[in-house]
C-alpha cells in the first residue's frame, strides 16, 4: 500500500468526522500520526482506518 500523505497534510477520518481536521505529524510504514483538532494526537493504522485529505479548495 502506498500512502499519499506527507507531514503537514490536512486530513480527516470519514468514519469519525467528530474528530475534526487533523494535521499529519509523521508516517512510519502504514502508521500515520495525526494531531486532530477535537481529540488530539492519534496513531492511525491505515490498514484498518481510512484517512482522506482535506480538499484545499473547500
N, C-alpha and C. Protein backbone atom coordinates (compact mmCIF):
# COMPACT_ATOMS: atom_id res chain seq x y z
N UNK A 1 0.84 -1.19 0.00
CA UNK A 1 0.00 0.00 0.00
C UNK A 1 0.89 1.24 0.00
N UNK A 2 0.61 2.15 -0.90
CA UNK A 2 1.34 3.41 -0.97
C UNK A 2 0.44 4.51 -0.43
N UNK A 3 0.93 5.22 0.59
CA UNK A 3 0.15 6.30 1.19
C UNK A 3 0.50 7.61 0.50
N UNK A 4 -0.52 8.38 0.22
CA UNK A 4 -0.33 9.66 -0.45
C UNK A 4 -0.40 10.80 0.56
N UNK A 5 0.31 10.64 1.67
CA UNK A 5 0.33 11.65 2.72
C UNK A 5 1.76 12.09 2.97
N UNK A 6 1.89 13.34 3.39
CA UNK A 6 3.18 13.87 3.82
C UNK A 6 2.95 14.64 5.10
N UNK A 7 3.96 14.75 5.96
CA UNK A 7 3.81 15.58 7.16
C UNK A 7 3.35 16.99 6.77
N UNK A 8 2.37 17.48 7.52
CA UNK A 8 1.80 18.79 7.25
C UNK A 8 0.48 18.73 6.51
N UNK A 9 0.18 17.59 5.85
CA UNK A 9 -1.10 17.45 5.15
C UNK A 9 -2.26 17.53 6.12
N UNK A 10 -3.35 18.12 5.69
CA UNK A 10 -4.59 18.17 6.47
C UNK A 10 -5.46 16.99 6.05
N UNK A 11 -5.94 16.24 7.04
CA UNK A 11 -6.72 15.03 6.77
C UNK A 11 -7.91 14.95 7.71
N UNK A 12 -8.83 14.03 7.41
CA UNK A 12 -9.93 13.71 8.31
C UNK A 12 -10.23 12.23 8.22
N UNK A 13 -10.91 11.74 9.24
CA UNK A 13 -11.34 10.34 9.28
C UNK A 13 -12.83 10.33 8.93
N UNK A 14 -13.20 9.83 7.74
CA UNK A 14 -14.61 9.88 7.33
C UNK A 14 -15.55 9.10 8.24
N UNK A 15 -15.03 8.13 8.98
CA UNK A 15 -15.89 7.37 9.89
C UNK A 15 -15.95 7.98 11.29
N UNK A 16 -15.19 9.06 11.53
CA UNK A 16 -15.21 9.76 12.82
C UNK A 16 -15.01 11.26 12.57
N UNK A 17 -15.95 11.85 11.84
CA UNK A 17 -15.82 13.26 11.48
C UNK A 17 -15.81 14.18 12.70
N UNK A 18 -16.34 13.68 13.84
CA UNK A 18 -16.33 14.49 15.06
C UNK A 18 -14.92 14.75 15.57
N UNK A 19 -13.92 13.99 15.09
CA UNK A 19 -12.53 14.24 15.47
C UNK A 19 -12.05 15.56 14.91
N UNK A 20 -12.69 16.03 13.84
CA UNK A 20 -12.29 17.28 13.20
C UNK A 20 -11.16 17.07 12.22
N UNK A 21 -10.60 18.17 11.79
CA UNK A 21 -9.48 18.15 10.85
C UNK A 21 -8.20 17.86 11.62
N UNK A 22 -7.36 17.04 11.02
CA UNK A 22 -6.08 16.73 11.63
C UNK A 22 -4.92 17.08 10.73
N UNK A 23 -3.76 17.24 11.33
CA UNK A 23 -2.54 17.50 10.56
C UNK A 23 -1.60 16.33 10.75
N UNK A 24 -1.13 15.77 9.63
CA UNK A 24 -0.21 14.64 9.67
C UNK A 24 1.10 15.10 10.30
N UNK A 25 1.54 14.35 11.33
CA UNK A 25 2.80 14.65 12.02
C UNK A 25 3.94 13.78 11.51
N UNK A 26 3.66 12.48 11.36
CA UNK A 26 4.69 11.57 10.88
C UNK A 26 4.05 10.34 10.24
N UNK A 27 4.85 9.65 9.44
CA UNK A 27 4.40 8.43 8.75
C UNK A 27 5.51 7.40 8.88
N UNK A 28 5.16 6.26 9.47
CA UNK A 28 6.10 5.14 9.58
C UNK A 28 5.37 3.90 9.10
N UNK A 29 5.78 3.44 7.92
CA UNK A 29 5.11 2.32 7.24
C UNK A 29 3.63 2.64 7.09
N UNK A 30 2.73 1.81 7.62
CA UNK A 30 1.29 2.07 7.46
C UNK A 30 0.69 2.86 8.62
N UNK A 31 1.54 3.34 9.54
CA UNK A 31 1.05 4.09 10.70
C UNK A 31 1.28 5.58 10.51
N UNK A 32 0.20 6.33 10.62
CA UNK A 32 0.25 7.78 10.43
C UNK A 32 -0.14 8.44 11.75
N UNK A 33 0.73 9.30 12.27
CA UNK A 33 0.42 10.06 13.48
C UNK A 33 -0.21 11.38 13.05
N UNK A 34 -1.41 11.63 13.58
CA UNK A 34 -2.18 12.81 13.20
C UNK A 34 -2.60 13.55 14.47
N UNK A 35 -2.46 14.87 14.46
CA UNK A 35 -2.94 15.70 15.56
C UNK A 35 -4.29 16.29 15.14
N UNK A 36 -5.38 15.76 15.71
CA UNK A 36 -6.74 16.19 15.37
C UNK A 36 -7.17 17.33 16.27
N UNK A 37 -7.98 18.25 15.72
CA UNK A 37 -8.38 19.44 16.47
C UNK A 37 -9.27 19.13 17.67
N UNK A 38 -10.08 18.06 17.61
CA UNK A 38 -11.02 17.78 18.70
C UNK A 38 -10.61 16.66 19.64
N UNK A 39 -9.68 15.80 19.22
CA UNK A 39 -9.31 14.65 20.06
C UNK A 39 -7.81 14.51 20.29
N UNK A 40 -7.04 15.44 19.75
CA UNK A 40 -5.60 15.41 19.96
C UNK A 40 -4.90 14.41 19.06
N UNK A 41 -3.76 13.93 19.54
CA UNK A 41 -2.89 13.07 18.73
C UNK A 41 -3.40 11.63 18.70
N UNK A 42 -3.46 11.09 17.50
CA UNK A 42 -3.85 9.69 17.30
C UNK A 42 -2.86 9.04 16.35
N UNK A 43 -2.52 7.79 16.62
CA UNK A 43 -1.73 6.99 15.69
C UNK A 43 -2.71 6.10 14.94
N UNK A 44 -2.79 6.31 13.64
CA UNK A 44 -3.77 5.64 12.80
C UNK A 44 -3.09 4.54 12.00
N UNK A 45 -3.60 3.31 12.11
CA UNK A 45 -3.14 2.22 11.25
C UNK A 45 -4.00 2.27 9.99
N UNK A 46 -3.40 2.68 8.88
CA UNK A 46 -4.17 2.89 7.66
C UNK A 46 -4.64 1.60 7.01
N UNK A 47 -4.22 0.47 7.55
CA UNK A 47 -4.77 -0.81 7.08
C UNK A 47 -6.20 -0.95 7.59
N UNK A 48 -6.47 -0.41 8.80
CA UNK A 48 -7.78 -0.55 9.44
C UNK A 48 -8.66 0.69 9.34
N UNK A 49 -8.05 1.87 9.25
CA UNK A 49 -8.81 3.12 9.26
C UNK A 49 -8.40 3.95 8.06
N UNK A 50 -9.40 4.43 7.33
CA UNK A 50 -9.15 5.25 6.15
C UNK A 50 -9.02 6.72 6.55
N UNK A 51 -8.01 7.37 6.02
CA UNK A 51 -7.88 8.81 6.16
C UNK A 51 -8.04 9.43 4.78
N UNK A 52 -8.64 10.60 4.73
CA UNK A 52 -8.77 11.31 3.47
C UNK A 52 -8.19 12.70 3.62
N UNK A 53 -7.56 13.17 2.55
CA UNK A 53 -7.03 14.53 2.55
C UNK A 53 -8.18 15.52 2.49
N UNK A 54 -8.01 16.64 3.17
CA UNK A 54 -8.97 17.73 3.10
C UNK A 54 -8.77 18.42 1.76
N UNK A 55 -9.87 18.67 1.09
CA UNK A 55 -9.83 19.37 -0.18
C UNK A 55 -9.54 20.84 0.09
N UNK A 56 -8.38 21.30 -0.31
CA UNK A 56 -7.94 22.67 -0.01
C UNK A 56 -8.85 23.70 -0.65
N UNK A 57 -9.62 23.35 -1.67
CA UNK A 57 -10.49 24.29 -2.35
C UNK A 57 -11.74 24.60 -1.55
N UNK A 58 -12.10 23.73 -0.60
CA UNK A 58 -13.33 23.94 0.20
C UNK A 58 -13.04 24.75 1.43
